[in-house]
Amino acid sequence: MALIVSAGDSKTYTPAPAGVHQAVCVDVIDKGILEVTYAGKTKKQHKISLAWQIEELRDDLKRYVVYKRYTASLNEKATLRKDLESWRGRAFTREEEMAFDVESVIGANGLINIQHNTKDGQTYANVVSIMPLAKGMVKLASTDYVREKDRAETPSADTSQALTEDDIPFMWLVPFVLPALFAAHVIFA
């Protein structure tokens, strides 16, 4: 069985422009339980990502989409809580912090500050802060974005699901039938 590998896609990545941008939240992505190493300690944490679309267009005339990954927690020290409180312009009530539906922010507008960071020669656009819209600003609507959970699955290169002769009914007949079909074709042609 073959195991195919490649160097990856050689497309160039253009990060969203740095600076403050009006944005609309277009997705909340559940990343599941991930193993995370921080300060030399490795632990498993439930992670989510928020995705925002900004008004600026890429070269293909689609809007830039930027993401920020969070630990799924509203603990007082959690970055998710700090960003949501900054974005909403108010602290969480006790009821909200006990059961807040993060997906309720989809469609919400805000001002996000994007900062560029370089790692291994690649420049990335990182969301470093979120604020509510200024009074009187017209809300931005999302365009041409399909939530990650609603996207069609792309076929994987998983060869463990490849068909074998045992998967095809009556495959054992092929050596007998093919010569007969070929002979019939020659005779009637």
Protein backbone atom coordinates (compact mmCIF):
# COMPACT_ATOMS: atom_id res chain seq x y z
CA MET A 1 0.00 0.00 0.00
CA ALA A 2 1.37 3.42 -0.95
CA LEU A 3 1.77 6.30 1.49
CA ILE A 4 1.84 9.53 -0.51
CA VAL A 5 3.41 12.67 0.99
CA SER A 6 4.22 16.06 -0.49
CA ALA A 7 5.97 19.31 0.35
CA GLY A 8 2.57 20.98 0.60
CA ASP A 9 0.89 23.74 -1.30
CA SER A 10 3.25 26.44 -2.50
CA LYS A 11 0.59 29.18 -2.52
CA THR A 12 1.68 32.43 -1.02
CA TYR A 13 -0.21 33.67 2.00
CA THR A 14 -1.01 37.34 2.29
CA PRO A 15 -2.00 38.28 5.84
CA ALA A 16 -4.80 40.74 6.56
CA PRO A 17 -3.48 44.30 6.85
CA ALA A 18 -2.28 45.39 10.28
CA GLY A 19 -4.23 48.05 12.14
CA VAL A 20 -7.75 48.67 13.44
CA HIS A 21 -10.55 47.29 11.25
CA GLN A 22 -14.30 47.07 11.46
CA ALA A 23 -15.19 43.40 11.53
CA VAL A 24 -18.14 41.04 11.74
CA CYS A 25 -17.90 37.72 13.55
CA VAL A 26 -18.62 34.99 11.00
CA ASP A 27 -17.84 31.78 12.87
CA VAL A 28 -17.21 30.06 16.17
CA ILE A 29 -15.21 26.89 15.58
CA ASP A 30 -15.03 24.13 18.18
CA LYS A 31 -11.48 22.77 17.97
CA GLY A 32 -12.17 20.10 20.59
CA ILE A 33 -9.75 18.97 23.28
CA LEU A 34 -6.18 19.80 22.26
CA GLU A 35 -2.85 19.10 23.88
CA VAL A 36 -1.23 22.46 24.68
CA THR A 37 2.25 23.21 26.01
CA TYR A 38 2.70 26.49 27.87
CA ALA A 39 5.60 27.45 30.14
CA GLY A 40 7.01 23.95 29.79
CA LYS A 41 3.81 22.23 30.97
CA THR A 42 1.64 20.14 28.67
CA LYS A 43 -2.06 19.74 29.35
CA LYS A 44 -5.30 19.07 27.51
CA GLN A 45 -7.67 22.00 27.02
CA HIS A 46 -10.93 22.59 25.19
CA LYS A 47 -10.19 25.14 22.44
CA ILE A 48 -12.40 27.26 20.19
CA SER A 49 -11.62 29.80 17.49
CA LEU A 50 -13.52 32.93 16.59
CA ALA A 51 -13.43 34.11 12.98
CA TRP A 52 -14.01 37.66 11.80
CA GLN A 53 -14.41 39.06 8.33
CA ILE A 54 -13.04 42.56 7.72
CA GLU A 55 -14.06 44.96 4.98
CA GLU A 56 -10.68 44.98 3.19
CA LEU A 57 -10.45 42.75 0.13
CA ARG A 58 -7.79 40.22 -0.83
CA ASP A 59 -6.34 39.99 -4.35
CA ASP A 60 -9.18 37.59 -5.31
CA LEU A 61 -11.72 40.29 -4.26
CA LYS A 62 -12.94 38.30 -1.24
CA ARG A 63 -12.77 39.74 2.24
CA TYR A 64 -9.97 38.82 4.61
CA VAL A 65 -10.94 36.45 7.41
CA VAL A 66 -8.90 36.47 10.63
CA TYR A 67 -9.03 33.98 13.48
CA LYS A 68 -8.15 33.91 17.15
CA ARG A 69 -7.94 30.71 19.18
CA TYR A 70 -9.11 30.60 22.79
CA THR A 71 -9.44 28.20 25.67
CA ALA A 72 -13.18 27.60 26.04
CA SER A 73 -13.48 29.21 29.47
CA LEU A 74 -15.04 32.26 31.06
CA ASN A 75 -12.75 32.13 34.09
CA GLU A 76 -11.75 35.63 35.27
CA LYS A 77 -8.23 35.14 33.86
CA ALA A 78 -9.37 33.65 30.53
CA THR A 79 -8.53 35.59 27.37
CA LEU A 80 -11.94 34.68 25.90
CA ARG A 81 -13.69 36.39 28.80
CA LYS A 82 -11.45 39.47 28.60
CA ASP A 83 -12.00 39.81 24.84
CA LEU A 84 -15.77 39.26 25.08
CA GLU A 85 -16.12 41.82 27.87
CA SER A 86 -14.04 44.34 25.93
CA TRP A 87 -16.06 43.68 22.76
CA ARG A 88 -19.44 43.86 24.52
CA GLY A 89 -18.39 46.92 26.51
CA ARG A 90 -19.51 45.41 29.82
CA ALA A 91 -18.70 42.68 32.30
CA PHE A 92 -20.52 39.36 32.43
CA THR A 93 -23.38 38.96 34.86
CA ARG A 94 -23.27 35.92 37.14
CA GLU A 95 -25.99 34.25 35.04
CA GLU A 96 -24.12 34.89 31.77
CA GLU A 97 -20.81 33.56 33.06
CA MET A 98 -22.47 30.30 34.13
CA ALA A 99 -23.82 29.53 30.65
CA PHE A 100 -22.89 31.87 27.80
CA ASP A 101 -23.63 30.75 24.22
CA VAL A 102 -20.48 31.81 22.38
CA GLU A 103 -22.25 31.32 19.04
CA SER A 104 -24.47 34.28 19.96
CA VAL A 105 -21.61 36.57 18.84
CA ILE A 106 -21.91 35.40 15.22
CA GLY A 107 -23.05 38.41 13.23
CA ALA A 108 -21.89 40.86 15.91
CA ASN A 109 -19.72 43.76 14.76
CA GLY A 110 -16.71 45.24 16.47
CA LEU A 111 -13.39 46.93 15.91
CA ILE A 112 -10.47 44.52 15.91
CA ASN A 113 -6.82 45.43 16.12
CA ILE A 114 -4.67 43.24 13.88
CA GLN A 115 -0.95 42.98 14.52
CA HIS A 116 1.58 41.23 12.29
CA ASN A 117 3.95 38.69 13.81
CA THR A 118 6.63 36.74 11.96
CA LYS A 119 7.49 33.12 12.73
CA ASP A 120 9.78 30.90 10.66
CA GLY A 121 9.88 33.51 7.89
CA GLN A 122 6.07 33.67 7.57
CA THR A 123 4.04 36.76 8.57
CA TYR A 124 0.76 36.14 10.37
CA ALA A 125 -2.14 38.47 11.16
CA ASN A 126 -3.07 38.19 14.84
CA VAL A 127 -6.13 39.70 16.49
CA VAL A 128 -4.74 41.43 19.58
CA SER A 129 -7.79 43.35 20.81
CA ILE A 130 -11.52 43.80 20.21
CA MET A 131 -13.73 46.80 20.95
CA PRO A 132 -17.38 47.61 20.32
CA LEU A 133 -18.30 49.75 17.32
CA ALA A 134 -18.35 53.48 17.87
CA LYS A 135 -21.84 54.98 18.08
CA GLY A 136 -23.28 55.78 14.67
CA MET A 137 -21.10 53.30 12.73
CA VAL A 138 -23.00 51.30 10.12
CA LYS A 139 -22.81 47.56 10.79
CA LEU A 140 -20.86 45.34 8.42
CA ALA A 141 -22.63 42.25 7.05
CA SER A 142 -20.74 39.06 6.22
CA THR A 143 -20.32 38.06 2.58
CA ASP A 144 -19.30 34.82 0.87
CA TYR A 145 -18.54 32.93 4.08
CA VAL A 146 -19.73 29.43 4.93
CA ARG A 147 -19.35 28.34 8.54
CA GLU A 148 -16.73 25.65 8.98
CA LYS A 149 -19.26 23.19 10.43
CA ASP A 150 -21.48 23.66 7.34
CA ARG A 151 -18.79 23.10 4.71
CA ALA A 152 -18.80 19.97 2.58
CA GLU A 153 -16.15 17.53 3.61
CA THR A 154 -13.25 17.21 1.22
CA PRO A 155 -12.14 13.70 0.37
CA SER A 156 -9.06 12.70 2.32
CA ALA A 157 -6.06 10.76 1.11
CA ASP A 158 -6.92 8.02 3.61
CA THR A 159 -6.02 4.82 1.77
CA SER A 160 -7.33 2.62 4.59
CA GLN A 161 -10.74 2.96 2.90
CA ALA A 162 -9.47 1.90 -0.56
CA LEU A 163 -11.45 -0.81 -2.36
CA THR A 164 -10.04 -4.29 -2.61
CA GLU A 165 -11.17 -7.30 -4.64
CA ASP A 166 -13.02 -8.53 -1.55
CA ASP A 167 -15.20 -5.38 -1.57
CA ILE A 168 -16.55 -5.95 -5.10
CA PRO A 169 -19.23 -8.66 -5.39
CA PHE A 170 -18.54 -11.39 -7.96
CA MET A 171 -15.02 -10.06 -8.63
CA TRP A 172 -13.93 -13.67 -8.95
CA LEU A 173 -15.95 -13.91 -12.20
CA VAL A 174 -13.94 -11.18 -14.01
CA PRO A 175 -11.20 -13.53 -15.33
CA PHE A 176 -13.90 -15.75 -16.86
CA VAL A 177 -16.23 -13.04 -18.19
CA LEU A 178 -13.69 -10.69 -19.81
CA PRO A 179 -12.40 -13.21 -22.41
CA ALA A 180 -16.00 -14.10 -23.32
CA LEU A 181 -16.93 -10.44 -23.75
CA PHE A 182 -13.83 -9.78 -25.83
CA ALA A 183 -14.60 -12.80 -28.04
CA ALA A 184 -18.21 -11.66 -28.51
CA HIS A 185 -17.00 -8.21 -29.50
CA VAL A 186 -14.60 -9.63 -32.10
CA ILE A 187 -17.27 -11.93 -33.58
CA PHE A 188 -20.01 -9.31 -33.81
CA ALA A 189 -17.85 -6.38 -34.81
